[in-house]
C-alpha atoms as a PDB file:
ATOM      1  CA  MET A   1     -54.022  71.368 -63.954  1.00  0.00           C
ATOM      2  CA  THR A   2     -54.251  72.863 -67.454  1.00  0.00           C
ATOM      3  CA  THR A   3     -53.514  76.230 -68.980  1.00  0.00           C
ATOM      4  CA  GLU A   4     -55.856  78.104 -71.283  1.00  0.00           C
ATOM      5  CA  PHE A   5     -55.416  81.103 -73.571  1.00  0.00           C
ATOM      6  CA  ILE A   6     -58.298  83.565 -73.219  1.00  0.00           C
ATOM      7  CA  THR A   7     -59.289  86.721 -75.070  1.00  0.00           C
ATOM      8  CA  LEU A   8     -61.718  89.136 -73.407  1.00  0.00           C
ATOM      9  CA  ASP A   9     -63.376  92.357 -74.504  1.00  0.00           C
ATOM     10  CA  LEU A  10     -64.136  94.559 -71.517  1.00  0.00           C
ATOM     11  CA  PRO A  11     -65.682  98.015 -71.293  1.00  0.00           C
ATOM     12  CA  LEU A  12     -63.173 100.830 -71.081  1.00  0.00           C
ATOM     13  CA  ALA A  13     -62.773 101.948 -67.463  1.00  0.00           C
ATOM     14  CA  PRO A  14     -60.588 104.464 -65.633  1.00  0.00           C
ATOM     15  CA  VAL A  15     -57.015 103.230 -65.208  1.00  0.00           C
ATOM     16  CA  ARG A  16     -57.360 102.839 -61.442  1.00  0.00           C
ATOM     17  CA  GLU A  17     -60.331 100.512 -61.883  1.00  0.00           C
ATOM     18  CA  LEU A  18     -59.136  98.678 -64.988  1.00  0.00           C
ATOM     19  CA  HIS A  19     -56.587  96.420 -63.273  1.00  0.00           C
ATOM     20  CA  GLN A  20     -59.141  95.180 -60.740  1.00  0.00           C
ATOM     21  CA  LEU A  21     -61.760  94.673 -63.449  1.00  0.00           C
ATOM     22  CA  ILE A  22     -59.358  92.617 -65.564  1.00  0.00           C
ATOM     23  CA  GLU A  23     -58.255  90.419 -62.643  1.00  0.00           C
ATOM     24  CA  GLN A  24     -61.858  89.899 -61.529  1.00  0.00           C
ATOM     25  CA  GLU A  25     -63.024  88.849 -64.993  1.00  0.00           C
ATOM     26  CA  LEU A  26     -60.054  86.505 -65.540  1.00  0.00           C
ATOM     27  CA  ARG A  27     -60.623  84.702 -62.229  1.00  0.00           C
ATOM     28  CA  GLN A  28     -63.945  83.448 -63.613  1.00  0.00           C
ATOM     29  CA  PHE A  29     -61.851  81.256 -65.946  1.00  0.00           C
ATOM     30  CA  GLY A  30     -59.067  80.262 -63.537  1.00  0.00           C
ATOM     31  CA  GLU A  31     -55.933  81.681 -61.915  1.00  0.00           C
ATOM     32  CA  PRO A  32     -54.293  84.305 -64.170  1.00  0.00           C
ATOM     33  CA  LEU A  33     -50.635  83.589 -64.960  1.00  0.00           C
ATOM     34  CA  ARG A  34     -50.155  86.574 -67.235  1.00  0.00           C
ATOM     35  CA  TRP A  35     -52.269  89.008 -69.189  1.00  0.00           C
ATOM     36  CA  ALA A  36     -51.795  91.936 -71.551  1.00  0.00           C
ATOM     37  CA  ILE A  37     -53.907  94.705 -72.999  1.00  0.00           C
ATOM     38  CA  THR A  38     -53.689  94.147 -76.748  1.00  0.00           C
ATOM     39  CA  ARG A  39     -56.151  96.708 -78.096  1.00  0.00           C
ATOM     40  CA  ILE A  40     -57.965  99.804 -76.856  1.00  0.00           C
ATOM     41  CA  ASP A  41     -60.655 101.683 -78.709  1.00  0.00           C
ATOM     42  CA  SER A  42     -63.129 104.353 -77.634  1.00  0.00           C
ATOM     43  CA  GLN A  43     -65.361 101.943 -75.682  1.00  0.00           C
ATOM     44  CA  THR A  44     -63.587  98.612 -75.136  1.00  0.00           C
ATOM     45  CA  VAL A  45     -60.313  97.060 -74.071  1.00  0.00           C
ATOM     46  CA  GLU A  46     -59.144  93.716 -75.469  1.00  0.00           C
ATOM     47  CA  ILE A  47     -57.233  91.463 -73.069  1.00  0.00           C
ATOM     48  CA  GLU A  48     -55.230  88.345 -73.924  1.00  0.00           C
ATOM     49  CA  ALA A  49     -54.407  86.112 -70.990  1.00  0.00           C
ATOM     50  CA  VAL A  50     -53.136  82.724 -69.889  1.00  0.00           C
ATOM     51  CA  VAL A  51     -54.920  81.162 -66.924  1.00  0.00           C
ATOM     52  CA  THR A  52     -54.541  77.868 -65.077  1.00  0.00           C
ATOM     53  CA  CYS A  53     -57.555  75.650 -64.425  1.00  0.00           C
ATOM     54  CA  GLU A  54     -58.045  72.709 -62.118  1.00  0.00           C
END
């Protein structure tokens, strides 16, 4: 098992949908250990995350 640091740019979504969108996108890379929103602009959200991979 390894850990990876990932940065994603996702489209800005309503707050209620954003959490699910972030988790869904991160699971494509592995199991999220932690993530944070590091930047928001008018159209995108930047996420930094650590995920575990098999």
